């Protein structure tokens, strides 16, 4: 019988010492478990973190990755074996491989190189890695293990080949980013593999990606017998004997609603981005609107109220309602709301620009000036106290350019970057079911930027229900505006306007801060369009 420990671990890209310490901490836990463990399984690219991107192309980085594997191998002289992800680097050929290493009795006893290298969406593995040879079986203590690395397990030709070669247990090492509803897709893999299957995944935030963990094990019928939790490190143990996999640490698959899952993903992504970049905390500009209120709630839930500063920056167009709503929200969150009056700064700007602007009408220039003053204030606070500015724009605004470059887009990270406006409302309502942190008036009142008198978002944009439906069709379903017009009841001019706004706002998104990816297609690595283009969407 094999007793196998599954490690679900949070890593830091490029921090080999940190990653090795976390690996050995889990290894020590396995070594002292109640039942002796034969093998500890770690996720893809454990020693260097994922994705390391162009760091892989640095010889020193690749060499250090190899040295880390050798260092870990020595730890197995008097303990369980390890199956760990890393980089295999051949200095003579210069080739690099995304590999899984079996470390046993103090040495590297076997290696599997990733066969299928994903090159779509957020993945660029053909840029960095050479593909492995035909997958083969790794023998271990009388058993035949079929080793897969992430994309390998999604390809039936690979798993079928391993089955034909006699694989008794399939093990997949993964660095699979979170997308909502993706876990259901992962579990379908098990249904097509006629032997027991172990799927282990990393957890934690890395730049715009967040990894949800959710490692699991299934029997030969594809039934999940062990499910590890989402969004936190964990450790599980299964036993394999007589072609059967059993779970000795029962961790049930707790059902979470979609809003809770998305909220947890955003919280983890923000927390790790701030902490791994060594900021003392965050600063957020409060407006009295739903986007800043939800962002503040996420920040407090991620980092704690002591690491969050909330700044109100009223102008002549800021309503008393907004001042009250922002104060109430801050009180609910346990954070003091500070205030900086921007009216004197607006007056100073207007005075100094009066000659240059003589003979022109007041327009969006003056509106954007308010937003840019606020951005300057927030960045000053950021510089002074080592706090990251968290912007508050949502995906609907980022898509249509309903945001001010160097103004409300000014910051280091955007928690809501991949969250449509309609989802913002859904998340705010869900968060209030846990305990009330967002005043009801913020959720119910019409959205407004408050940059001029009586302004409402729908003065410039369609209602958000229609807008988000059209945006999803253009962005995620990759439909043309004409396809949408032909297949829907939306007003043709509205569809064309939205497609045009998406196109002309590309330059803004290219300069926008990073943010947590939660959808199938997020702005950033997922979507790369030219800034200058004559093509109409």
Protein backbone atom coordinates (compact mmCIF):
# COMPACT_ATOMS: atom_id res chain seq x y z
CA UNK A 1 0.00 0.00 0.00
CA UNK A 2 1.15 3.53 -0.79
CA UNK A 3 0.32 6.39 1.55
CA UNK A 4 0.45 9.65 -0.32
CA UNK A 5 0.41 13.18 1.08
CA UNK A 6 -0.95 15.97 -1.12
CA UNK A 7 0.47 19.45 -0.52
CA UNK A 8 -1.57 22.50 -1.54
CA UNK A 9 0.89 25.35 -1.14
CA UNK A 10 1.25 29.13 -1.58
CA UNK A 11 4.51 30.15 -3.28
CA UNK A 12 6.51 33.24 -4.23
CA UNK A 13 7.79 33.42 -7.78
CA UNK A 14 11.58 33.51 -7.83
CA UNK A 15 12.02 33.26 -4.05
CA UNK A 16 13.74 29.88 -3.92
CA UNK A 17 14.63 30.04 -0.23
CA UNK A 18 11.06 30.84 0.74
CA UNK A 19 9.60 28.13 -1.49
CA UNK A 20 12.02 25.50 -0.23
CA UNK A 21 11.17 26.39 3.36
CA UNK A 22 7.43 25.98 2.63
CA UNK A 23 8.06 22.69 0.81
CA UNK A 24 10.08 21.35 3.74
CA UNK A 25 7.49 22.53 6.25
CA UNK A 26 4.86 20.44 4.47
CA UNK A 27 7.38 17.61 4.12
CA UNK A 28 8.04 17.63 7.85
CA UNK A 29 4.31 17.50 8.46
CA UNK A 30 4.07 14.43 6.21
CA UNK A 31 7.08 12.78 7.84
CA UNK A 32 5.49 13.01 11.29
CA UNK A 33 1.96 12.05 10.23
CA UNK A 34 0.09 9.41 12.20
CA UNK A 35 0.43 6.94 9.34
CA UNK A 36 3.86 6.75 7.66
CA UNK A 37 3.83 8.52 4.31
CA UNK A 38 5.60 7.08 1.27
CA UNK A 39 5.29 10.00 -1.14
CA UNK A 40 4.60 13.73 -0.83
CA UNK A 41 3.14 15.33 -3.96
CA UNK A 42 3.56 19.03 -4.69
CA UNK A 43 2.08 21.16 -7.50
CA UNK A 44 3.60 22.31 -10.78
CA UNK A 45 6.73 24.53 -10.65
CA UNK A 46 6.81 24.41 -6.86
CA UNK A 47 10.44 25.36 -6.40
CA UNK A 48 10.25 28.58 -8.42
CA UNK A 49 6.57 29.54 -8.35
CA UNK A 50 4.28 30.01 -11.32
CA UNK A 51 4.34 31.70 -13.76
CA UNK A 52 8.01 32.78 -13.67
CA UNK A 53 7.72 34.26 -17.19
CA UNK A 54 10.99 35.59 -18.65
CA UNK A 55 12.91 34.75 -15.48
CA UNK A 56 13.03 31.25 -16.98
CA UNK A 57 15.25 32.59 -19.77
CA UNK A 58 17.92 33.73 -17.30
CA UNK A 59 20.63 31.09 -16.98
CA UNK A 60 21.23 31.98 -13.33
CA UNK A 61 17.54 31.50 -12.55
CA UNK A 62 17.38 28.14 -14.35
CA UNK A 63 20.54 26.97 -12.58
CA UNK A 64 19.15 27.98 -9.20
CA UNK A 65 15.96 26.09 -9.95
CA UNK A 66 18.01 22.96 -10.66
CA UNK A 67 20.11 23.49 -7.52
CA UNK A 68 16.90 23.74 -5.48
CA UNK A 69 15.76 20.35 -6.74
CA UNK A 70 19.12 18.81 -5.81
CA UNK A 71 18.90 20.43 -2.39
CA UNK A 72 15.45 18.96 -1.82
CA UNK A 73 16.57 15.53 -3.01
CA UNK A 74 19.09 15.35 -0.17
CA UNK A 75 16.25 15.76 2.34
CA UNK A 76 14.72 12.46 1.22
CA UNK A 77 17.63 10.27 2.42
CA UNK A 78 15.80 9.21 5.55
CA UNK A 79 12.22 10.14 4.79
CA UNK A 80 9.39 9.91 2.29
CA UNK A 81 9.93 10.48 -1.42
CA UNK A 82 8.86 13.75 -3.04
CA UNK A 83 7.20 14.38 -6.38
CA UNK A 84 7.86 18.06 -6.96
CA UNK A 85 7.52 20.51 -9.85
CA UNK A 86 10.41 22.59 -11.12
CA UNK A 87 12.62 23.44 -14.09
CA UNK A 88 14.99 21.00 -15.72
CA UNK A 89 17.78 22.96 -17.40
CA UNK A 90 20.42 21.52 -19.71
CA UNK A 91 23.28 24.07 -19.94
CA UNK A 92 24.82 22.28 -22.93
CA UNK A 93 21.75 22.68 -25.13
CA UNK A 94 20.26 25.70 -23.38
CA UNK A 95 16.90 23.92 -23.30
CA UNK A 96 14.52 24.30 -20.40
CA UNK A 97 11.71 21.93 -19.45
CA UNK A 98 8.72 22.27 -17.15
CA UNK A 99 9.31 19.10 -15.16
CA UNK A 100 8.19 16.88 -12.33
CA UNK A 101 11.00 15.28 -10.32
CA UNK A 102 10.74 12.13 -8.23
CA UNK A 103 13.17 12.62 -5.34
CA UNK A 104 13.95 9.44 -3.45
CA UNK A 105 16.71 8.16 -1.15
CA UNK A 106 18.66 11.40 -1.50
CA UNK A 107 18.74 11.57 -5.30
CA UNK A 108 16.65 12.47 -8.33
CA UNK A 109 15.37 9.02 -9.27
CA UNK A 110 13.07 9.99 -12.17
CA UNK A 111 11.86 12.96 -14.16
CA UNK A 112 8.82 13.72 -16.33
CA UNK A 113 8.92 16.69 -18.70
CA UNK A 114 5.65 18.43 -19.52
CA UNK A 115 4.50 17.18 -22.90
CA UNK A 116 1.76 19.64 -23.83
CA UNK A 117 2.78 23.29 -23.40
CA UNK A 118 -0.24 25.62 -23.29
CA UNK A 119 0.10 28.70 -25.45
CA UNK A 120 -3.25 30.45 -25.11
CA UNK A 121 -4.94 32.85 -22.74
CA UNK A 122 -2.53 33.64 -19.91
CA UNK A 123 -0.10 30.88 -20.90
CA UNK A 124 3.08 31.34 -22.99
CA UNK A 125 4.90 28.10 -22.27
CA UNK A 126 6.18 27.58 -25.82
CA UNK A 127 8.13 30.79 -25.35
CA UNK A 128 10.07 29.25 -22.46
CA UNK A 129 10.00 25.47 -22.48
CA UNK A 130 10.86 22.61 -24.76
CA UNK A 131 8.21 19.92 -24.86
CA UNK A 132 8.99 16.56 -23.33
CA UNK A 133 9.18 13.26 -25.13
CA UNK A 134 6.31 10.80 -25.20
CA UNK A 135 4.97 10.42 -21.64
CA UNK A 136 6.10 7.31 -19.86
CA UNK A 137 5.50 5.45 -16.65
CA UNK A 138 7.47 6.15 -13.46
CA UNK A 139 7.81 3.06 -11.27
CA UNK A 140 7.57 3.63 -7.53
CA UNK A 141 7.61 0.92 -4.86
CA UNK A 142 6.11 -1.71 -7.12
CA UNK A 143 3.44 0.59 -8.60
CA UNK A 144 3.24 2.23 -12.01
CA UNK A 145 2.60 5.95 -11.73
CA UNK A 146 1.40 7.99 -14.69
CA UNK A 147 2.72 11.52 -14.21
CA UNK A 148 1.00 14.51 -15.81
CA UNK A 149 1.73 18.23 -15.58
CA UNK A 150 -1.33 20.46 -15.87
CA UNK A 151 -2.10 20.75 -19.60
CA UNK A 152 -1.08 17.09 -20.05
CA UNK A 153 -4.13 15.95 -18.11
CA UNK A 154 -6.50 17.88 -20.39
CA UNK A 155 -5.28 15.97 -23.45
CA UNK A 156 -6.92 12.51 -23.84
CA UNK A 157 -4.12 11.32 -26.12
CA UNK A 158 -1.66 11.69 -23.24
CA UNK A 159 -3.74 9.99 -20.59
CA UNK A 160 -4.78 7.21 -23.00
CA UNK A 161 -1.13 6.51 -23.80
CA UNK A 162 -0.24 6.23 -20.11
CA UNK A 163 -3.15 3.85 -19.56
CA UNK A 164 -1.96 1.66 -22.45
CA UNK A 165 1.48 1.55 -20.83
CA UNK A 166 -0.05 0.22 -17.62
CA UNK A 167 -0.49 3.28 -15.39
CA UNK A 168 -2.24 2.20 -12.17
CA UNK A 169 -2.48 5.65 -10.59
CA UNK A 170 -2.55 8.98 -12.44
CA UNK A 171 -1.01 12.01 -10.71
CA UNK A 172 -1.30 15.55 -12.10
CA UNK A 173 0.81 18.45 -10.83
CA UNK A 174 -0.93 21.75 -11.59
CA UNK A 175 -0.64 25.51 -11.55
CA UNK A 176 -4.19 26.16 -12.69
CA UNK A 177 -5.47 29.73 -12.27
CA UNK A 178 -8.93 30.42 -10.90
CA UNK A 179 -11.87 31.18 -13.15
CA UNK A 180 -15.42 30.91 -11.93
CA UNK A 181 -16.95 27.48 -12.66
CA UNK A 182 -13.52 26.07 -13.59
CA UNK A 183 -13.50 23.47 -10.81
CA UNK A 184 -16.43 21.65 -12.39
CA UNK A 185 -14.43 21.44 -15.61
CA UNK A 186 -11.41 20.02 -13.78
CA UNK A 187 -13.50 17.26 -12.28
CA UNK A 188 -14.62 16.15 -15.73
CA UNK A 189 -11.02 15.03 -16.35
CA UNK A 190 -11.43 12.34 -13.73
CA UNK A 191 -14.48 10.96 -15.54
CA UNK A 192 -12.33 10.13 -18.56
CA UNK A 193 -9.47 8.48 -16.68
CA UNK A 194 -10.25 4.82 -15.85
CA UNK A 195 -7.80 4.63 -12.92
CA UNK A 196 -7.57 6.52 -9.63
CA UNK A 197 -6.52 10.13 -10.12
CA UNK A 198 -4.83 12.75 -7.91
CA UNK A 199 -4.98 16.42 -8.89
CA UNK A 200 -2.92 18.85 -6.84
CA UNK A 201 -2.92 22.60 -7.43
CA UNK A 202 -1.08 25.61 -6.03
CA UNK A 203 -2.90 28.31 -4.10
CA UNK A 204 -2.32 32.06 -3.83
CA UNK A 205 -2.10 35.26 -5.83
CA UNK A 206 0.55 36.04 -8.43
CA UNK A 207 0.24 39.34 -10.28
CA UNK A 208 -3.17 39.21 -12.01
CA UNK A 209 -3.64 35.49 -11.47
CA UNK A 210 -5.04 33.82 -8.39
CA UNK A 211 -4.74 30.08 -7.85
CA UNK A 212 -7.56 28.48 -5.93
CA UNK A 213 -6.05 25.18 -4.82
CA UNK A 214 -9.09 22.91 -4.67
CA UNK A 215 -6.89 19.82 -5.07
CA UNK A 216 -8.81 16.56 -5.19
CA UNK A 217 -8.57 12.80 -5.58
CA UNK A 218 -10.99 10.51 -7.43
CA UNK A 219 -11.52 6.78 -7.79
CA UNK A 220 -11.43 4.75 -11.01
CA UNK A 221 -15.05 5.69 -11.71
CA UNK A 222 -14.28 9.41 -11.58
CA UNK A 223 -16.04 9.96 -8.23
CA UNK A 224 -14.31 12.56 -6.07
CA UNK A 225 -13.37 10.97 -2.75
CA UNK A 226 -11.31 13.83 -1.32
CA UNK A 227 -11.63 17.55 -1.95
CA UNK A 228 -9.31 20.14 -0.45
CA UNK A 229 -10.59 23.67 0.25
CA UNK A 230 -10.43 26.73 -1.95
CA UNK A 231 -8.04 29.64 -1.47
CA UNK A 232 -5.96 28.37 1.44
CA UNK A 233 -3.00 26.12 2.02
CA UNK A 234 -3.81 22.60 3.13
CA UNK A 235 -2.53 19.08 3.41
CA UNK A 236 -4.32 15.83 2.69
CA UNK A 237 -3.51 12.12 2.80
CA UNK A 238 -4.80 9.31 0.61
CA UNK A 239 -3.94 5.61 0.40
CA UNK A 240 -3.48 3.54 -2.75
CA UNK A 241 -3.73 -0.24 -2.63
CA UNK A 242 -4.91 -2.92 -5.02
CA UNK A 243 -5.80 -0.32 -7.67
CA UNK A 244 -8.04 1.50 -5.18
CA UNK A 245 -7.65 5.00 -3.78
CA UNK A 246 -9.07 5.80 -0.35
CA UNK A 247 -9.10 8.99 1.64
CA UNK A 248 -7.68 8.89 5.17
CA UNK A 249 -8.18 12.61 5.84
CA UNK A 250 -11.77 13.47 5.08
CA UNK A 251 -12.23 16.98 3.78
CA UNK A 252 -15.69 17.39 2.28
CA UNK A 253 -16.29 19.60 -0.74
CA UNK A 254 -18.17 22.47 0.83
CA UNK A 255 -20.51 24.11 -1.64
CA UNK A 256 -19.99 27.83 -2.09
CA UNK A 257 -22.23 30.17 -4.05
CA UNK A 258 -20.69 31.91 -7.05
CA UNK A 259 -20.51 35.30 -5.35
CA UNK A 260 -18.70 33.88 -2.32
CA UNK A 261 -16.18 32.09 -4.54
CA UNK A 262 -15.46 35.21 -6.60
CA UNK A 263 -15.19 37.34 -3.46
CA UNK A 264 -12.70 34.94 -1.88
CA UNK A 265 -10.64 34.87 -5.08
CA UNK A 266 -10.42 38.66 -5.18
CA UNK A 267 -9.51 38.85 -1.50
CA UNK A 268 -6.68 36.35 -1.87
CA UNK A 269 -5.37 38.01 -5.02
CA UNK A 270 -5.30 41.43 -3.34
CA UNK A 271 -3.82 40.14 -0.09
CA UNK A 272 -0.94 38.33 -1.78
CA UNK A 273 -0.20 41.17 -4.20
CA UNK A 274 0.09 43.68 -1.36
CA UNK A 275 1.99 41.43 1.04
CA UNK A 276 4.35 39.87 -1.50
CA UNK A 277 5.25 43.37 -2.72
CA UNK A 278 5.99 44.40 0.90
CA UNK A 279 3.53 47.28 1.22
CA UNK A 280 2.39 48.33 4.69
CA UNK A 281 -1.23 48.36 3.57
CA UNK A 282 -3.50 50.12 1.10
CA UNK A 283 -5.18 53.47 0.56
CA UNK A 284 -8.52 53.84 -1.23
CA UNK A 285 -10.36 56.92 -2.43
CA UNK A 286 -13.94 56.74 -1.18
CA UNK A 287 -16.72 58.35 -3.20
CA UNK A 288 -19.88 57.19 -1.49
CA UNK A 289 -20.51 54.88 -4.45
CA UNK A 290 -20.74 51.11 -4.67
CA UNK A 291 -17.39 50.45 -6.37
CA UNK A 292 -15.28 52.13 -3.70
CA UNK A 293 -17.46 50.67 -0.94
CA UNK A 294 -17.02 47.11 -2.23
CA UNK A 295 -13.31 47.67 -2.77
CA UNK A 296 -12.97 48.92 0.80
CA UNK A 297 -14.80 45.85 2.11
CA UNK A 298 -12.52 43.54 0.12
CA UNK A 299 -9.43 45.35 1.43
CA UNK A 300 -10.56 45.15 5.04
CA UNK A 301 -11.49 41.47 4.71
CA UNK A 302 -8.14 40.74 3.02
CA UNK A 303 -5.74 42.77 5.12
CA UNK A 304 -7.55 43.85 8.27
CA UNK A 305 -8.89 47.35 9.07
CA UNK A 306 -5.57 48.45 10.55
CA UNK A 307 -3.94 48.20 7.10
CA UNK A 308 -6.59 50.17 5.21
CA UNK A 309 -6.87 53.96 4.90
CA UNK A 310 -10.00 55.45 3.38
CA UNK A 311 -9.84 58.98 1.98
CA UNK A 312 -12.84 61.12 1.01
CA UNK A 313 -11.97 63.97 -1.37
CA UNK A 314 -15.12 66.08 -1.81
CA UNK A 315 -15.62 68.59 -4.60
CA UNK A 316 -18.48 71.07 -5.19
CA UNK A 317 -20.38 68.22 -6.88
CA UNK A 318 -20.09 65.75 -4.02
CA UNK A 319 -23.54 65.35 -2.50
CA UNK A 320 -24.29 65.23 1.20
CA UNK A 321 -25.77 61.80 0.51
CA UNK A 322 -22.38 60.55 -0.74
CA UNK A 323 -20.59 62.03 2.28
CA UNK A 324 -23.00 60.27 4.62
CA UNK A 325 -22.86 56.96 2.74
CA UNK A 326 -19.06 56.91 2.69
CA UNK A 327 -18.89 57.70 6.42
CA UNK A 328 -21.41 55.00 7.27
CA UNK A 329 -19.54 52.44 5.17
CA UNK A 330 -16.23 53.29 6.86
CA UNK A 331 -17.88 52.98 10.26
CA UNK A 332 -19.30 49.56 9.38
CA UNK A 333 -15.82 48.46 8.32
CA UNK A 334 -14.15 49.80 11.44
CA UNK A 335 -11.94 52.26 9.54
CA UNK A 336 -11.65 56.01 10.13
CA UNK A 337 -12.71 58.00 7.08
CA UNK A 338 -10.25 60.83 6.45
CA UNK A 339 -11.03 63.81 4.26
CA UNK A 340 -9.06 66.08 1.94
CA UNK A 341 -10.99 69.00 0.43
CA UNK A 342 -10.06 69.36 -3.25
CA UNK A 343 -12.02 72.58 -3.90
CA UNK A 344 -9.03 74.93 -3.30
CA UNK A 345 -6.91 72.79 -5.66
CA UNK A 346 -9.61 72.88 -8.33
CA UNK A 347 -9.80 76.66 -8.03
CA UNK A 348 -6.03 76.97 -8.30
CA UNK A 349 -5.92 74.79 -11.43
CA UNK A 350 -8.78 76.72 -13.03
CA UNK A 351 -7.10 80.04 -12.27
CA UNK A 352 -3.73 79.02 -13.69
CA UNK A 353 -5.32 77.52 -16.81
CA UNK A 354 -7.78 80.35 -17.42
CA UNK A 355 -5.64 82.09 -20.03
CA UNK A 356 -4.84 78.88 -21.90
CA UNK A 357 -8.49 77.79 -21.87
CA UNK A 358 -9.87 81.23 -22.80
CA UNK A 359 -12.71 81.01 -25.33
CA UNK A 360 -13.45 77.33 -24.69
CA UNK A 361 -16.45 75.73 -23.01
CA UNK A 362 -16.34 73.75 -19.79
CA UNK A 363 -16.32 70.04 -20.72
CA UNK A 364 -14.86 66.71 -19.63
CA UNK A 365 -11.47 68.40 -19.25
CA UNK A 366 -12.60 70.06 -16.04
CA UNK A 367 -14.33 66.85 -14.91
CA UNK A 368 -11.17 64.82 -15.40
CA UNK A 369 -9.12 67.44 -13.59
CA UNK A 370 -10.99 66.60 -10.38
CA UNK A 371 -10.19 62.93 -10.78
CA UNK A 372 -6.51 63.67 -11.46
CA UNK A 373 -6.26 65.86 -8.38
CA UNK A 374 -7.62 62.97 -6.35
CA UNK A 375 -5.12 60.60 -7.96
CA UNK A 376 -2.27 62.92 -7.00
CA UNK A 377 -3.44 63.05 -3.39
CA UNK A 378 -3.72 59.29 -3.13
CA UNK A 379 -0.27 58.79 -4.64
CA UNK A 380 1.19 61.29 -2.17
CA UNK A 381 -0.27 59.27 0.70
CA UNK A 382 1.06 56.12 -0.94
CA UNK A 383 4.58 57.52 -1.17
CA UNK A 384 4.58 58.91 2.35
CA UNK A 385 3.32 55.79 4.15
CA UNK A 386 4.26 52.92 1.79
CA UNK A 387 0.61 52.16 1.07
CA UNK A 388 -0.53 50.78 -2.26
CA UNK A 389 -3.29 52.77 -3.96
CA UNK A 390 -6.15 50.43 -4.84
CA UNK A 391 -8.24 51.73 -7.72
CA UNK A 392 -11.95 51.11 -7.80
CA UNK A 393 -12.96 50.87 -11.47
CA UNK A 394 -14.92 47.82 -12.64
CA UNK A 395 -14.72 45.81 -15.86
CA UNK A 396 -17.66 47.61 -17.47
CA UNK A 397 -15.91 50.94 -16.97
CA UNK A 398 -12.53 49.60 -18.08
CA UNK A 399 -14.14 48.19 -21.23
CA UNK A 400 -15.83 51.41 -22.28
CA UNK A 401 -13.17 53.83 -21.10
CA UNK A 402 -15.50 55.34 -18.48
CA UNK A 403 -12.50 56.18 -16.31
CA UNK A 404 -9.87 58.91 -16.16
CA UNK A 405 -6.30 58.08 -17.07
CA UNK A 406 -3.97 59.33 -14.30
CA UNK A 407 -7.10 59.99 -12.23
CA UNK A 408 -9.31 57.23 -10.86
CA UNK A 409 -7.15 54.78 -12.85
CA UNK A 410 -4.10 55.95 -10.89
CA UNK A 411 -2.91 53.21 -8.56
CA UNK A 412 -1.04 49.97 -8.04
CA UNK A 413 -3.81 47.39 -8.18
CA UNK A 414 -7.47 47.10 -9.08
CA UNK A 415 -9.51 44.56 -7.15
CA UNK A 416 -12.56 44.91 -9.44
CA UNK A 417 -10.76 45.00 -12.79
CA UNK A 418 -12.41 41.77 -14.01
CA UNK A 419 -15.78 42.34 -12.30
CA UNK A 420 -18.66 43.68 -14.39
CA UNK A 421 -20.83 46.38 -12.81
CA UNK A 422 -23.78 44.02 -12.43
CA UNK A 423 -21.45 41.62 -10.59
CA UNK A 424 -20.37 44.48 -8.33
CA UNK A 425 -23.96 44.79 -7.13
CA UNK A 426 -24.23 41.00 -6.69
CA UNK A 427 -21.01 40.85 -4.66
CA UNK A 428 -22.04 43.78 -2.48
CA UNK A 429 -25.39 42.14 -1.73
CA UNK A 430 -23.71 38.82 -0.94
CA UNK A 431 -21.14 40.47 1.34
CA UNK A 432 -23.95 42.08 3.33
CA UNK A 433 -25.46 38.63 3.98
CA UNK A 434 -22.38 37.84 6.09
CA UNK A 435 -22.62 41.05 8.08
CA UNK A 436 -23.65 44.47 6.93
CA UNK A 437 -20.68 46.51 5.75
CA UNK A 438 -22.14 48.39 2.76
CA UNK A 439 -25.01 50.80 3.47
CA UNK A 440 -28.20 49.86 1.65
CA UNK A 441 -28.44 53.31 0.11
CA UNK A 442 -25.12 52.79 -1.68
CA UNK A 443 -26.52 49.65 -3.33
CA UNK A 444 -29.89 51.12 -4.26
CA UNK A 445 -29.03 54.61 -5.53
CA UNK A 446 -28.23 55.27 -9.22
CA UNK A 447 -24.46 55.16 -9.94
CA UNK A 448 -22.81 58.53 -10.56
CA UNK A 449 -19.28 59.89 -10.94
CA UNK A 450 -20.33 63.23 -9.38
CA UNK A 451 -17.99 65.28 -11.57
CA UNK A 452 -20.72 67.72 -12.58
CA UNK A 453 -24.23 68.66 -11.47
CA UNK A 454 -26.91 65.95 -11.59
CA UNK A 455 -24.61 63.49 -13.33
CA UNK A 456 -25.60 59.80 -13.71
CA UNK A 457 -23.60 56.97 -15.33
CA UNK A 458 -26.51 56.23 -17.65
CA UNK A 459 -26.17 59.72 -19.15
CA UNK A 460 -23.10 58.37 -20.96
CA UNK A 461 -23.62 54.60 -20.94
CA UNK A 462 -26.53 52.21 -21.55
CA UNK A 463 -28.11 50.70 -18.44
CA UNK A 464 -25.63 48.28 -16.91
CA UNK A 465 -27.75 45.15 -17.44
CA UNK A 466 -27.74 45.70 -21.20
CA UNK A 467 -24.18 46.99 -21.26
CA UNK A 468 -22.76 43.96 -19.47
CA UNK A 469 -24.61 41.50 -21.69
CA UNK A 470 -23.20 43.18 -24.79
CA UNK A 471 -19.71 43.41 -23.28
CA UNK A 472 -19.68 39.68 -22.49
CA UNK A 473 -20.65 38.85 -26.05
CA UNK A 474 -17.91 41.06 -27.51
CA UNK A 475 -15.16 40.27 -25.00
CA UNK A 476 -15.72 36.70 -23.85
CA UNK A 477 -17.69 35.21 -26.74
CA UNK A 478 -15.67 37.18 -29.29
CA UNK A 479 -18.75 38.16 -31.30
CA UNK A 480 -18.64 41.06 -33.71
CA UNK A 481 -21.06 43.95 -33.30
CA UNK A 482 -22.84 42.80 -36.44
CA UNK A 483 -23.20 39.26 -35.05
CA UNK A 484 -24.85 40.72 -31.94
CA UNK A 485 -27.17 42.96 -33.93
CA UNK A 486 -28.25 40.02 -36.12
CA UNK A 487 -28.88 37.68 -33.19
CA UNK A 488 -30.41 39.97 -30.55
CA UNK A 489 -32.97 42.69 -29.91
CA UNK A 490 -30.40 45.26 -28.82
CA UNK A 491 -30.54 48.62 -30.53
CA UNK A 492 -27.97 48.51 -33.38
CA UNK A 493 -26.61 51.97 -32.61
CA UNK A 494 -26.11 51.02 -28.96
CA UNK A 495 -24.16 47.90 -29.92
CA UNK A 496 -22.00 49.84 -32.37
CA UNK A 497 -21.35 52.56 -29.78
CA UNK A 498 -20.19 50.03 -27.19
CA UNK A 499 -17.92 48.26 -29.70
CA UNK A 500 -16.46 51.63 -30.64
CA UNK A 501 -15.86 52.60 -27.01
CA UNK A 502 -14.06 49.30 -26.40
CA UNK A 503 -11.80 49.91 -29.39
CA UNK A 504 -10.85 53.51 -28.63
CA UNK A 505 -10.18 52.75 -24.93
CA UNK A 506 -7.44 50.20 -25.61
CA UNK A 507 -4.72 52.74 -24.82
CA UNK A 508 -6.25 53.36 -21.39
CA UNK A 509 -6.35 49.67 -20.51
CA UNK A 510 -2.73 49.27 -21.59
CA UNK A 511 -1.82 51.76 -18.85
CA UNK A 512 -4.25 50.48 -16.23
CA UNK A 513 -3.04 48.80 -13.04
CA UNK A 514 -3.18 45.00 -12.80
CA UNK A 515 -6.14 43.30 -11.18
CA UNK A 516 -7.43 39.87 -10.22
CA UNK A 517 -8.50 37.65 -13.13
CA UNK A 518 -11.73 35.80 -12.38
CA UNK A 519 -13.36 35.34 -15.80
CA UNK A 520 -12.52 33.29 -18.85
CA UNK A 521 -11.17 36.41 -20.55
CA UNK A 522 -9.76 39.28 -18.52
CA UNK A 523 -8.11 42.47 -19.71
CA UNK A 524 -4.35 42.05 -19.69
CA UNK A 525 -2.56 38.81 -20.57
CA UNK A 526 -5.77 37.24 -21.85
CA UNK A 527 -6.54 39.92 -24.42
CA UNK A 528 -3.85 41.56 -26.53
CA UNK A 529 -5.02 43.93 -29.24
CA UNK A 530 -3.06 46.63 -31.10
CA UNK A 531 -3.33 50.18 -29.87
CA UNK A 532 -3.49 51.43 -33.45
CA UNK A 533 -5.98 49.52 -35.57
CA UNK A 534 -8.35 50.22 -38.43
CA UNK A 535 -10.49 47.20 -37.63
CA UNK A 536 -13.95 47.77 -36.17
CA UNK A 537 -15.13 45.26 -33.60
